[in-house]
C-alpha atoms as a PDB file:
ATOM      1  CA  MET A   1     -10.964 -16.930  13.128  1.00  0.00           C
ATOM      2  CA  ILE A   2      -8.808 -20.042  12.922  1.00  0.00           C
ATOM      3  CA  ASN A   3      -7.613 -18.859   9.481  1.00  0.00           C
ATOM      4  CA  ASP A   4      -5.412 -16.200  11.061  1.00  0.00           C
ATOM      5  CA  ALA A   5      -3.765 -18.768  13.217  1.00  0.00           C
ATOM      6  CA  LEU A   6      -3.228 -21.032  10.234  1.00  0.00           C
ATOM      7  CA  GLY A   7      -1.519 -18.294   8.322  1.00  0.00           C
ATOM      8  CA  ILE A   8      -4.049 -18.199   5.486  1.00  0.00           C
ATOM      9  CA  LEU A   9      -3.618 -14.952   3.497  1.00  0.00           C
ATOM     10  CA  GLN A  10      -6.275 -12.226   3.458  1.00  0.00           C
ATOM     11  CA  ASN A  11      -9.176 -12.929   1.142  1.00  0.00           C
ATOM     12  CA  ALA A  12      -9.596 -10.538  -1.795  1.00  0.00           C
ATOM     13  CA  SER A  13     -12.305 -12.314  -3.851  1.00  0.00           C
ATOM     14  CA  GLU A  14     -16.048 -12.463  -3.636  1.00  0.00           C
ATOM     15  CA  HIS A  15     -16.226 -16.284  -3.287  1.00  0.00           C
ATOM     16  CA  GLY A  16     -13.346 -16.446  -0.797  1.00  0.00           C
ATOM     17  CA  PRO A  17     -15.436 -16.406   2.386  1.00  0.00           C
ATOM     18  CA  LYS A  18     -17.127 -19.652   1.409  1.00  0.00           C
ATOM     19  CA  ILE A  19     -13.742 -21.317   0.752  1.00  0.00           C
ATOM     20  CA  ASP A  20     -12.445 -19.995   4.106  1.00  0.00           C
ATOM     21  CA  LEU A  21     -15.547 -21.275   5.978  1.00  0.00           C
ATOM     22  CA  MET A  22     -15.150 -24.731   4.548  1.00  0.00           C
ATOM     23  CA  LEU A  23     -11.406 -24.759   5.466  1.00  0.00           C
ATOM     24  CA  GLU A  24     -12.256 -23.559   8.961  1.00  0.00           C
ATOM     25  CA  LEU A  25     -14.918 -26.213   9.531  1.00  0.00           C
ATOM     26  CA  VAL A  26     -12.579 -28.970   8.261  1.00  0.00           C
ATOM     27  CA  HIS A  27      -9.764 -27.844  10.559  1.00  0.00           C
ATOM     28  CA  TRP A  28     -12.056 -27.662  13.572  1.00  0.00           C
ATOM     29  CA  PHE A  29     -13.361 -31.118  12.786  1.00  0.00           C
ATOM     30  CA  MET A  30      -9.813 -32.470  12.451  1.00  0.00           C
ATOM     31  CA  LEU A  31      -8.836 -30.816  15.777  1.00  0.00           C
ATOM     32  CA  VAL A  32     -11.822 -32.527  17.496  1.00  0.00           C
ATOM     33  CA  LEU A  33     -10.875 -35.864  15.929  1.00  0.00           C
ATOM     34  CA  PHE A  34      -7.278 -35.383  17.048  1.00  0.00           C
ATOM     35  CA  VAL A  35      -8.295 -34.719  20.654  1.00  0.00           C
ATOM     36  CA  ILE A  36     -10.738 -37.711  20.695  1.00  0.00           C
ATOM     37  CA  TRP A  37      -8.422 -40.219  19.125  1.00  0.00           C
ATOM     38  CA  THR A  38      -5.414 -39.108  21.157  1.00  0.00           C
ATOM     39  CA  THR A  39      -7.451 -39.376  24.365  1.00  0.00           C
ATOM     40  CA  PHE A  40      -8.648 -42.823  23.331  1.00  0.00           C
ATOM     41  CA  PHE A  41      -5.146 -43.947  22.448  1.00  0.00           C
ATOM     42  CA  LEU A  42      -3.811 -42.805  25.875  1.00  0.00           C
ATOM     43  CA  TYR A  43      -6.734 -44.519  27.589  1.00  0.00           C
ATOM     44  CA  THR A  44      -6.004 -47.869  25.801  1.00  0.00           C
ATOM     45  CA  ILE A  45      -2.315 -47.637  26.736  1.00  0.00           C
ATOM     46  CA  ILE A  46      -3.184 -47.252  30.411  1.00  0.00           C
ATOM     47  CA  ARG A  47      -6.308 -49.446  30.560  1.00  0.00           C
ATOM     48  CA  PHE A  48      -4.753 -52.473  28.702  1.00  0.00           C
ATOM     49  CA  ARG A  49      -1.240 -52.240  30.111  1.00  0.00           C
ATOM     50  CA  LYS A  50       0.474 -55.504  30.832  1.00  0.00           C
ATOM     51  CA  SER A  51       0.279 -55.314  34.567  1.00  0.00           C
ATOM     52  CA  ARG A  52      -3.506 -55.008  34.361  1.00  0.00           C
ATOM     53  CA  SER A  53      -4.139 -57.313  31.438  1.00  0.00           C
ATOM     54  CA  PRO A  54      -1.473 -60.043  31.717  1.00  0.00           C
ATOM     55  CA  LYS A  55      -3.516 -62.493  29.674  1.00  0.00           C
ATOM     56  CA  ALA A  56      -4.709 -61.820  26.098  1.00  0.00           C
ATOM     57  CA  ASP A  57      -8.467 -61.578  25.521  1.00  0.00           C
ATOM     58  CA  TYR A  58      -9.261 -63.104  22.107  1.00  0.00           C
ATOM     59  CA  ILE A  59     -12.949 -61.958  22.180  1.00  0.00           C
ATOM     60  CA  GLY A  60     -12.160 -58.217  22.431  1.00  0.00           C
ATOM     61  CA  VAL A  61     -14.610 -55.434  22.902  1.00  0.00           C
ATOM     62  CA  THR A  62     -18.243 -56.442  22.494  1.00  0.00           C
ATOM     63  CA  GLY A  63     -19.833 -52.996  22.696  1.00  0.00           C
ATOM     64  CA  HIS A  64     -20.813 -50.733  19.757  1.00  0.00           C
ATOM     65  CA  ALA A  65     -19.298 -47.485  20.902  1.00  0.00           C
ATOM     66  CA  SER A  66     -16.588 -47.538  18.208  1.00  0.00           C
ATOM     67  CA  THR A  67     -19.186 -48.230  15.543  1.00  0.00           C
ATOM     68  CA  TYR A  68     -21.219 -45.280  16.629  1.00  0.00           C
ATOM     69  CA  GLY A  69     -18.126 -43.050  16.605  1.00  0.00           C
ATOM     70  CA  GLU A  70     -17.263 -44.216  13.093  1.00  0.00           C
ATOM     71  CA  VAL A  71     -20.708 -43.553  11.791  1.00  0.00           C
ATOM     72  CA  ALA A  72     -20.697 -40.082  13.378  1.00  0.00           C
ATOM     73  CA  VAL A  73     -17.428 -39.262  11.624  1.00  0.00           C
ATOM     74  CA  VAL A  74     -18.873 -40.456   8.279  1.00  0.00           C
ATOM     75  CA  ILE A  75     -21.978 -38.366   8.712  1.00  0.00           C
ATOM     76  CA  ILE A  76     -19.993 -35.214   9.562  1.00  0.00           C
ATOM     77  CA  GLU A  77     -17.728 -35.770   6.563  1.00  0.00           C
ATOM     78  CA  ALA A  78     -20.702 -36.294   4.302  1.00  0.00           C
ATOM     79  CA  VAL A  79     -22.243 -32.982   5.542  1.00  0.00           C
ATOM     80  CA  LEU A  80     -18.960 -31.142   4.767  1.00  0.00           C
ATOM     81  CA  LEU A  81     -18.790 -32.734   1.275  1.00  0.00           C
ATOM     82  CA  LEU A  82     -22.433 -32.739   0.273  1.00  0.00           C
ATOM     83  CA  GLY A  83     -23.457 -29.552   2.076  1.00  0.00           C
ATOM     84  CA  LEU A  84     -20.468 -27.336   1.378  1.00  0.00           C
ATOM     85  CA  ALA A  85     -17.742 -28.585  -0.837  1.00  0.00           C
ATOM     86  CA  PHE A  86     -19.825 -30.123  -3.667  1.00  0.00           C
ATOM     87  CA  PRO A  87     -22.298 -27.214  -4.009  1.00  0.00           C
ATOM     88  CA  LEU A  88     -19.440 -24.686  -3.962  1.00  0.00           C
ATOM     89  CA  TRP A  89     -17.504 -26.625  -6.544  1.00  0.00           C
ATOM     90  CA  ALA A  90     -20.636 -27.107  -8.759  1.00  0.00           C
ATOM     91  CA  LYS A  91     -21.426 -23.367  -8.678  1.00  0.00           C
ATOM     92  CA  ARG A  92     -17.890 -22.454  -9.581  1.00  0.00           C
ATOM     93  CA  VAL A  93     -17.948 -24.842 -12.551  1.00  0.00           C
ATOM     94  CA  ASN A  94     -21.422 -24.482 -13.867  1.00  0.00           C
ATOM     95  CA  GLU A  95     -22.317 -20.858 -13.117  1.00  0.00           C
ATOM     96  CA  PHE A  96     -19.735 -18.788 -15.040  1.00  0.00           C
ATOM     97  CA  PRO A  97     -20.562 -15.064 -15.235  1.00  0.00           C
ATOM     98  CA  THR A  98     -21.875 -13.685 -18.473  1.00  0.00           C
ATOM     99  CA  GLY A  99     -22.378 -10.271 -19.909  1.00  0.00           C
ATOM    100  CA  LYS A 100     -20.378  -7.272 -21.237  1.00  0.00           C
ATOM    101  CA  ASP A 101     -18.953  -6.592 -17.759  1.00  0.00           C
ATOM    102  CA  VAL A 102     -17.033  -9.895 -17.720  1.00  0.00           C
ATOM    103  CA  LEU A 103     -13.293  -9.509 -18.389  1.00  0.00           C
ATOM    104  CA  HIS A 104     -11.689 -12.371 -20.267  1.00  0.00           C
ATOM    105  CA  VAL A 105      -7.907 -12.951 -19.929  1.00  0.00           C
ATOM    106  CA  ARG A 106      -5.716 -15.693 -21.334  1.00  0.00           C
ATOM    107  CA  VAL A 107      -2.797 -17.071 -19.322  1.00  0.00           C
ATOM    108  CA  ILE A 108      -0.355 -19.259 -21.140  1.00  0.00           C
ATOM    109  CA  ALA A 109       2.099 -20.919 -18.839  1.00  0.00           C
ATOM    110  CA  GLN A 110       5.672 -22.026 -19.807  1.00  0.00           C
ATOM    111  CA  GLN A 111       8.865 -22.993 -18.083  1.00  0.00           C
ATOM    112  CA  PHE A 112       9.164 -20.678 -16.192  1.00  0.00           C
ATOM    113  CA  ALA A 113       6.910 -17.714 -16.674  1.00  0.00           C
ATOM    114  CA  TRP A 114       3.337 -16.592 -17.123  1.00  0.00           C
ATOM    115  CA  ASN A 115       2.311 -15.096 -20.516  1.00  0.00           C
ATOM    116  CA  ILE A 116      -0.797 -12.907 -19.897  1.00  0.00           C
ATOM    117  CA  TRP A 117      -2.913 -11.897 -22.878  1.00  0.00           C
ATOM    118  CA  TYR A 118      -5.602  -9.215 -22.875  1.00  0.00           C
ATOM    119  CA  PRO A 119      -8.124  -8.915 -25.751  1.00  0.00           C
ATOM    120  CA  GLY A 120      -8.399  -5.149 -25.565  1.00  0.00           C
ATOM    121  CA  SER A 121     -11.481  -2.952 -25.683  1.00  0.00           C
ATOM    122  CA  ASP A 122     -13.231  -5.128 -28.292  1.00  0.00           C
ATOM    123  CA  GLY A 123     -13.086  -8.209 -26.066  1.00  0.00           C
ATOM    124  CA  VAL A 124     -11.991 -10.418 -28.909  1.00  0.00           C
ATOM    125  CA  PHE A 125      -8.620 -12.231 -29.052  1.00  0.00           C
ATOM    126  CA  CYS A 126      -6.783 -12.266 -32.284  1.00  0.00           C
ATOM    127  CA  LYS A 127      -6.089 -15.552 -34.078  1.00  0.00           C
ATOM    128  CA  GLN A 128      -3.154 -17.737 -33.308  1.00  0.00           C
ATOM    129  CA  ASP A 129      -1.087 -20.039 -35.539  1.00  0.00           C
ATOM    130  CA  ILE A 130       1.614 -22.321 -34.210  1.00  0.00           C
ATOM    131  CA  ASN A 131       3.639 -21.767 -37.399  1.00  0.00           C
ATOM    132  CA  LEU A 132       4.008 -18.039 -36.450  1.00  0.00           C
ATOM    133  CA  VAL A 133       5.614 -18.763 -33.064  1.00  0.00           C
ATOM    134  CA  SER A 134       9.062 -17.103 -32.770  1.00  0.00           C
ATOM    135  CA  SER A 135      11.212 -15.291 -30.221  1.00  0.00           C
ATOM    136  CA  SER A 136       9.468 -12.022 -31.157  1.00  0.00           C
ATOM    137  CA  ASN A 137       6.043 -13.636 -31.330  1.00  0.00           C
ATOM    138  CA  PRO A 138       5.972 -16.244 -28.573  1.00  0.00           C
ATOM    139  CA  LEU A 139       2.235 -16.845 -28.711  1.00  0.00           C
ATOM    140  CA  GLY A 140       1.969 -17.048 -32.529  1.00  0.00           C
ATOM    141  CA  TRP A 141      -0.283 -14.077 -33.099  1.00  0.00           C
ATOM    142  CA  ASP A 142      -1.648 -13.538 -36.547  1.00  0.00           C
ATOM    143  CA  LYS A 143      -0.546  -9.967 -37.194  1.00  0.00           C
ATOM    144  CA  ASN A 144      -2.994  -9.648 -40.112  1.00  0.00           C
ATOM    145  CA  ASP A 145      -6.007 -10.252 -37.879  1.00  0.00           C
ATOM    146  CA  PRO A 146      -7.680  -6.907 -37.205  1.00  0.00           C
ATOM    147  CA  ASN A 147      -8.904  -8.155 -33.868  1.00  0.00           C
ATOM    148  CA  GLY A 148      -5.279  -8.121 -32.594  1.00  0.00           C
ATOM    149  CA  LYS A 149      -4.772  -4.358 -33.025  1.00  0.00           C
ATOM    150  CA  ASP A 150      -5.918  -3.625 -29.475  1.00  0.00           C
ATOM    151  CA  ASP A 151      -4.622  -6.846 -27.855  1.00  0.00           C
ATOM    152  CA  ALA A 152      -1.833  -6.643 -25.246  1.00  0.00           C
ATOM    153  CA  ILE A 153       0.532  -9.100 -23.732  1.00  0.00           C
ATOM    154  CA  THR A 154       2.562  -8.957 -20.473  1.00  0.00           C
ATOM    155  CA  LEU A 155       5.031 -11.301 -18.854  1.00  0.00           C
ATOM    156  CA  ASN A 156       4.439 -12.156 -15.206  1.00  0.00           C
ATOM    157  CA  GLN A 157       2.362  -9.031 -14.678  1.00  0.00           C
ATOM    158  CA  MET A 158      -1.434  -9.294 -14.383  1.00  0.00           C
ATOM    159  CA  HIS A 159      -3.578  -6.208 -13.839  1.00  0.00           C
ATOM    160  CA  LEU A 160      -7.283  -6.483 -13.117  1.00  0.00           C
ATOM    161  CA  PRO A 161     -10.078  -3.960 -12.294  1.00  0.00           C
ATOM    162  CA  VAL A 162     -11.705  -4.296  -8.923  1.00  0.00           C
ATOM    163  CA  ASN A 163     -15.383  -5.400  -8.504  1.00  0.00           C
ATOM    164  CA  ARG A 164     -15.532  -6.859 -12.046  1.00  0.00           C
ATOM    165  CA  PRO A 165     -15.875 -10.600 -12.830  1.00  0.00           C
ATOM    166  CA  VAL A 166     -12.806 -12.134 -14.462  1.00  0.00           C
ATOM    167  CA  ILE A 167     -12.664 -15.362 -16.440  1.00  0.00           C
ATOM    168  CA  VAL A 168      -9.079 -16.640 -16.926  1.00  0.00           C
ATOM    169  CA  HIS A 169      -8.539 -19.078 -19.775  1.00  0.00           C
ATOM    170  CA  LEU A 170      -5.580 -21.288 -18.891  1.00  0.00           C
ATOM    171  CA  THR A 171      -3.274 -23.413 -20.996  1.00  0.00           C
ATOM    172  CA  SER A 172       0.399 -24.341 -21.134  1.00  0.00           C
ATOM    173  CA  LYS A 173       3.129 -24.346 -23.798  1.00  0.00           C
ATOM    174  CA  ASP A 174       5.132 -27.258 -22.314  1.00  0.00           C
ATOM    175  CA  VAL A 175       4.365 -29.138 -19.124  1.00  0.00           C
ATOM    176  CA  ILE A 176       1.606 -29.152 -16.512  1.00  0.00           C
ATOM    177  CA  HIS A 177       1.659 -25.990 -14.298  1.00  0.00           C
ATOM    178  CA  SER A 178      -0.769 -24.876 -11.627  1.00  0.00           C
ATOM    179  CA  PHE A 179      -2.077 -21.326 -11.732  1.00  0.00           C
ATOM    180  CA  THR A 180      -2.476 -20.156  -8.132  1.00  0.00           C
ATOM    181  CA  LEU A 181      -3.790 -16.851  -6.730  1.00  0.00           C
ATOM    182  CA  ARG A 182      -3.916 -17.422  -2.997  1.00  0.00           C
ATOM    183  CA  HIS A 183      -5.542 -14.101  -2.136  1.00  0.00           C
ATOM    184  CA  MET A 184      -8.252 -14.934  -4.666  1.00  0.00           C
ATOM    185  CA  ARG A 185      -8.659 -18.492  -3.457  1.00  0.00           C
ATOM    186  CA  ILE A 186      -7.897 -19.844  -6.934  1.00  0.00           C
ATOM    187  CA  THR A 187      -5.836 -22.840  -7.911  1.00  0.00           C
ATOM    188  CA  GLN A 188      -6.186 -24.521 -11.272  1.00  0.00           C
ATOM    189  CA  ASP A 189      -3.860 -26.833 -13.264  1.00  0.00           C
ATOM    190  CA  THR A 190      -2.786 -25.616 -16.742  1.00  0.00           C
ATOM    191  CA  ILE A 191      -2.456 -28.481 -19.218  1.00  0.00           C
ATOM    192  CA  PRO A 192      -0.847 -28.417 -22.666  1.00  0.00           C
ATOM    193  CA  GLY A 193      -3.448 -28.638 -25.430  1.00  0.00           C
ATOM    194  CA  MET A 194      -6.343 -27.721 -23.227  1.00  0.00           C
ATOM    195  CA  ASN A 195      -8.142 -24.404 -22.566  1.00  0.00           C
ATOM    196  CA  ILE A 196      -9.326 -24.515 -18.924  1.00  0.00           C
ATOM    197  CA  PRO A 197     -11.348 -21.532 -17.626  1.00  0.00           C
ATOM    198  CA  CYS A 198     -11.616 -20.397 -14.014  1.00  0.00           C
ATOM    199  CA  TRP A 199     -13.229 -17.286 -12.677  1.00  0.00           C
ATOM    200  CA  PHE A 200     -13.381 -14.946  -9.692  1.00  0.00           C
ATOM    201  CA  LYS A 201     -14.304 -11.443  -8.755  1.00  0.00           C
ATOM    202  CA  PRO A 202     -11.646  -9.213  -7.018  1.00  0.00           C
ATOM    203  CA  ILE A 203     -13.222  -7.147  -4.233  1.00  0.00           C
ATOM    204  CA  LYS A 204     -10.078  -5.502  -2.804  1.00  0.00           C
ATOM    205  CA  THR A 205      -7.500  -3.423  -4.617  1.00  0.00           C
ATOM    206  CA  SER A 206      -3.757  -3.894  -4.141  1.00  0.00           C
ATOM    207  CA  ALA A 207      -3.646  -0.539  -2.377  1.00  0.00           C
ATOM    208  CA  GLU A 208      -6.244  -1.772   0.151  1.00  0.00           C
ATOM    209  CA  LEU A 209      -4.298  -4.946   0.743  1.00  0.00           C
ATOM    210  CA  ARG A 210      -1.046  -2.978   1.249  1.00  0.00           C
ATOM    211  CA  GLU A 211      -2.790  -0.833   3.914  1.00  0.00           C
ATOM    212  CA  ASN A 212      -3.968  -4.049   5.728  1.00  0.00           C
ATOM    213  CA  MET A 213      -0.577  -5.750   5.421  1.00  0.00           C
ATOM    214  CA  ALA A 214       1.619  -2.765   6.471  1.00  0.00           C
ATOM    215  CA  GLN A 215       3.982  -3.452   9.275  1.00  0.00           C
ATOM    216  CA  THR A 216       6.032  -0.982  11.374  1.00  0.00           C
ATOM    217  CA  CYS A 217       9.703  -1.733  11.650  1.00  0.00           C
ATOM    218  CA  PRO A 218      12.723  -0.019  13.194  1.00  0.00           C
ATOM    219  CA  THR A 219      14.768   2.021  10.781  1.00  0.00           C
ATOM    220  CA  LYS A 220      17.518  -0.547  10.544  1.00  0.00           C
ATOM    221  CA  VAL A 221      18.583  -2.716   7.515  1.00  0.00           C
ATOM    222  CA  SER A 222      18.533  -5.897   9.583  1.00  0.00           C
ATOM    223  CA  ALA A 223      14.972  -5.281  10.846  1.00  0.00           C
ATOM    224  CA  ILE A 224      13.357  -4.807   7.415  1.00  0.00           C
ATOM    225  CA  PRO A 225      12.119  -8.031   5.654  1.00  0.00           C
ATOM    226  CA  PRO A 226      13.291  -8.440   2.048  1.00  0.00           C
ATOM    227  CA  GLU A 227      11.409  -7.168  -0.987  1.00  0.00           C
ATOM    228  CA  LYS A 228       9.540  -4.440   0.782  1.00  0.00           C
ATOM    229  CA  VAL A 229       8.623  -0.836  -0.159  1.00  0.00           C
ATOM    230  CA  VAL A 230       8.015   2.147   2.027  1.00  0.00           C
ATOM    231  CA  MET A 231       4.358   2.789   2.907  1.00  0.00           C
ATOM    232  CA  GLY A 232       3.646   6.471   2.902  1.00  0.00           C
ATOM    233  CA  ASP A 233       5.678   9.677   2.395  1.00  0.00           C
ATOM    234  CA  TYR A 234       8.339  10.498   4.893  1.00  0.00           C
ATOM    235  CA  LYS A 235       9.401  14.152   5.286  1.00  0.00           C
ATOM    236  CA  GLY A 236      12.423  15.837   6.808  1.00  0.00           C
ATOM    237  CA  LYS A 237      12.148  18.683   9.407  1.00  0.00           C
ATOM    238  CA  ASP A 238      11.999  21.307   6.694  1.00  0.00           C
ATOM    239  CA  GLY A 239       8.948  19.565   5.073  1.00  0.00           C
ATOM    240  CA  THR A 240      10.700  18.160   2.047  1.00  0.00           C
ATOM    241  CA  VAL A 241       9.812  14.584   1.037  1.00  0.00           C
ATOM    242  CA  LEU A 242      12.846  12.396   1.807  1.00  0.00           C
ATOM    243  CA  VAL A 243      11.215   9.165   0.672  1.00  0.00           C
ATOM    244  CA  SER A 244       8.054   8.865  -1.263  1.00  0.00           C
ATOM    245  CA  ASN A 245       5.293   6.214  -1.033  1.00  0.00           C
ATOM    246  CA  LEU A 246       6.138   2.734  -2.469  1.00  0.00           C
ATOM    247  CA  THR A 247       9.884   3.459  -2.711  1.00  0.00           C
ATOM    248  CA  PRO A 248      11.843   0.163  -2.538  1.00  0.00           C
ATOM    249  CA  VAL A 249      13.599  -0.267   0.762  1.00  0.00           C
ATOM    250  CA  THR A 250      17.406  -0.116   0.322  1.00  0.00           C
ATOM    251  CA  GLU A 251      20.351   0.668   2.545  1.00  0.00           C
ATOM    252  CA  GLU A 252      20.478   4.135   1.075  1.00  0.00           C
ATOM    253  CA  VAL A 253      16.807   4.751   1.923  1.00  0.00           C
ATOM    254  CA  ILE A 254      17.275   3.447   5.485  1.00  0.00           C
ATOM    255  CA  SER A 255      20.358   5.647   5.964  1.00  0.00           C
ATOM    256  CA  LYS A 256      18.497   8.746   4.730  1.00  0.00           C
ATOM    257  CA  LEU A 257      15.640   8.178   7.087  1.00  0.00           C
ATOM    258  CA  ALA A 258      17.911   7.357  10.055  1.00  0.00           C
ATOM    259  CA  VAL A 259      19.864  10.559   9.482  1.00  0.00           C
ATOM    260  CA  ALA A 260      16.620  12.513   9.513  1.00  0.00           C
ATOM    261  CA  GLY A 261      15.791  11.056  12.928  1.00  0.00           C
ATOM    262  CA  ILE A 262      13.056   8.790  11.743  1.00  0.00           C
ATOM    263  CA  THR A 263      13.191   5.741  14.008  1.00  0.00           C
ATOM    264  CA  GLU A 264      10.272   3.671  12.546  1.00  0.00           C
ATOM    265  CA  ILE A 265       8.786   3.119   9.109  1.00  0.00           C
ATOM    266  CA  ARG A 266       5.908   1.210   7.683  1.00  0.00           C
ATOM    267  CA  VAL A 267       6.732  -1.260   4.987  1.00  0.00           C
ATOM    268  CA  VAL A 268       4.717  -3.547   2.687  1.00  0.00           C
ATOM    269  CA  PRO A 269       5.328  -5.972  -0.184  1.00  0.00           C
ATOM    270  CA  GLU A 270       5.625  -4.198  -3.425  1.00  0.00           C
ATOM    271  CA  TYR A 271       3.169  -6.710  -4.915  1.00  0.00           C
ATOM    272  CA  PRO A 272       0.941  -8.014  -2.085  1.00  0.00           C
ATOM    273  CA  MET A 273      -0.636 -10.541  -4.477  1.00  0.00           C
ATOM    274  CA  GLU A 274       1.496 -13.068  -6.321  1.00  0.00           C
ATOM    275  CA  ILE A 275       0.861 -15.610  -9.064  1.00  0.00           C
ATOM    276  CA  ALA A 276       2.404 -18.876  -7.982  1.00  0.00           C
ATOM    277  CA  CYS A 277       2.856 -22.222  -9.622  1.00  0.00           C
ATOM    278  CA  ALA A 278       1.646 -25.027  -7.316  1.00  0.00           C
ATOM    279  CA  GLN A 279       3.038 -27.753  -9.495  1.00  0.00           C
ATOM    280  CA  LEU A 280       6.704 -28.912  -9.527  1.00  0.00           C
ATOM    281  CA  CYS A 281       7.264 -27.996 -13.197  1.00  0.00           C
ATOM    282  CA  GLY A 282      11.060 -28.395 -13.495  1.00  0.00           C
ATOM    283  CA  ASN A 283      14.361 -27.328 -12.110  1.00  0.00           C
ATOM    284  CA  GLY A 284      13.504 -23.657 -12.529  1.00  0.00           C
ATOM    285  CA  HIS A 285      10.119 -24.005 -10.706  1.00  0.00           C
ATOM    286  CA  TYR A 286      11.279 -21.586  -7.997  1.00  0.00           C
ATOM    287  CA  LYS A 287      11.573 -18.790 -10.668  1.00  0.00           C
ATOM    288  CA  MET A 288       7.930 -19.165 -11.854  1.00  0.00           C
ATOM    289  CA  ARG A 289       6.552 -16.200 -10.029  1.00  0.00           C
ATOM    290  CA  GLY A 290       4.100 -13.550 -11.308  1.00  0.00           C
ATOM    291  CA  PHE A 291       2.430 -10.565  -9.770  1.00  0.00           C
ATOM    292  CA  LEU A 292      -1.202  -9.472  -9.658  1.00  0.00           C
ATOM    293  CA  THR A 293      -2.315  -5.838  -9.331  1.00  0.00           C
ATOM    294  CA  VAL A 294      -5.911  -5.026  -8.661  1.00  0.00           C
ATOM    295  CA  GLU A 295      -6.857  -1.384  -9.196  1.00  0.00           C
ATOM    296  CA  SER A 296      -9.744   0.935  -9.991  1.00  0.00           C
ATOM    297  CA  ALA A 297     -11.466   0.780 -13.385  1.00  0.00           C
ATOM    298  CA  GLU A 298      -9.902   4.094 -14.394  1.00  0.00           C
ATOM    299  CA  ASP A 299      -6.357   3.028 -13.478  1.00  0.00           C
ATOM    300  CA  TYR A 300      -6.899  -0.307 -15.163  1.00  0.00           C
ATOM    301  CA  ASP A 301      -8.040   1.283 -18.425  1.00  0.00           C
ATOM    302  CA  LYS A 302      -5.062   3.629 -18.371  1.00  0.00           C
ATOM    303  CA  TRP A 303      -2.607   0.783 -17.777  1.00  0.00           C
ATOM    304  CA  LEU A 304      -4.173  -1.353 -20.528  1.00  0.00           C
ATOM    305  CA  LYS A 305      -3.815   1.474 -23.108  1.00  0.00           C
ATOM    306  CA  GLU A 306      -0.169   1.758 -22.275  1.00  0.00           C
ATOM    307  CA  GLN A 307       0.300  -2.038 -22.743  1.00  0.00           C
ATOM    308  CA  VAL A 308      -1.650  -2.038 -26.044  1.00  0.00           C
ATOM    309  CA  ALA A 309       0.667   0.680 -27.346  1.00  0.00           C
ATOM    310  CA  ALA A 310       3.768  -1.151 -26.062  1.00  0.00           C
ATOM    311  CA  THR A 311       2.634  -4.390 -27.673  1.00  0.00           C
ATOM    312  CA  ALA A 312       1.842  -2.729 -30.984  1.00  0.00           C
ATOM    313  CA  SER A 313       5.358  -1.316 -31.057  1.00  0.00           C
ATOM    314  CA  GLY A 314       6.796  -4.794 -30.712  1.00  0.00           C
ATOM    315  CA  GLY A 315       7.705  -4.846 -27.075  1.00  0.00           C
ATOM    316  CA  GLY A 316       4.844  -5.263 -24.623  1.00  0.00           C
ATOM    317  CA  GLY A 317       5.574  -7.063 -21.468  1.00  0.00           C
ATOM    318  CA  TYR A 318       8.655  -8.768 -23.022  1.00  0.00           C
ATOM    319  CA  GLU A 319      10.885  -5.705 -23.033  1.00  0.00           C
END
């Protein structure tokens, strides 16, 4: 697949293969065009060089080869647009999932963070009032609304269950941002004053992605890429666990493993899926970075209960 050569990240969504196919076909088409036009350009330089054509020809080429080529390019582009891009876009826009299994999440962007709001087990978001916005209530929740008792809010941390459709409702508190989940093949602008939905269905957990992305490195500080965690448990000769799975890689960890005679370790990103902003939204744009964790339904429910309790106590994802 050309996607691997282009550095496109692993797909983790149900609709991703169609996006990847379209990208692959477009890149193959551009490669063919590049070869053809480059060959034609070199041909014209040689064929119409000064020594061979000392006198200008004001009539020019009288054949129709270039016209046929241009028509062929238009037809191929029309097939890509009308046969792939438009139907895929129309389905994503017009065929939103419905039913009790659909998870709704609100994402409110701001300079420079992602506020992520879960409606809880009842699936109903509590009311908002702009007059209630404060440092302790950044989204203006109506604390008297009973629908808000099981709501939860996190900052830059999104958790989702695997194999369940998700509709993300996007808006912004200040400027235009762009909500981007590259592994999910999702990019959507967030605009102040507007509620813009987008949807996808995760088909891989973060643990599965970590396994696929794990790389083996020598046990040296200089050889380990930044922001990595240890993949797997590493034991000493007596069987005791020296470093457990998903421990952040530090100089102390590397030294401990090196002393134990372990010459290679497997490392992965702590969060293999990131929430990025694809819009230059201010001087602190580089800090606008969130993290997506996809897990089993049981682990998600457990995590959500913890967040509901934390939010009810006044902290939530802001502590």
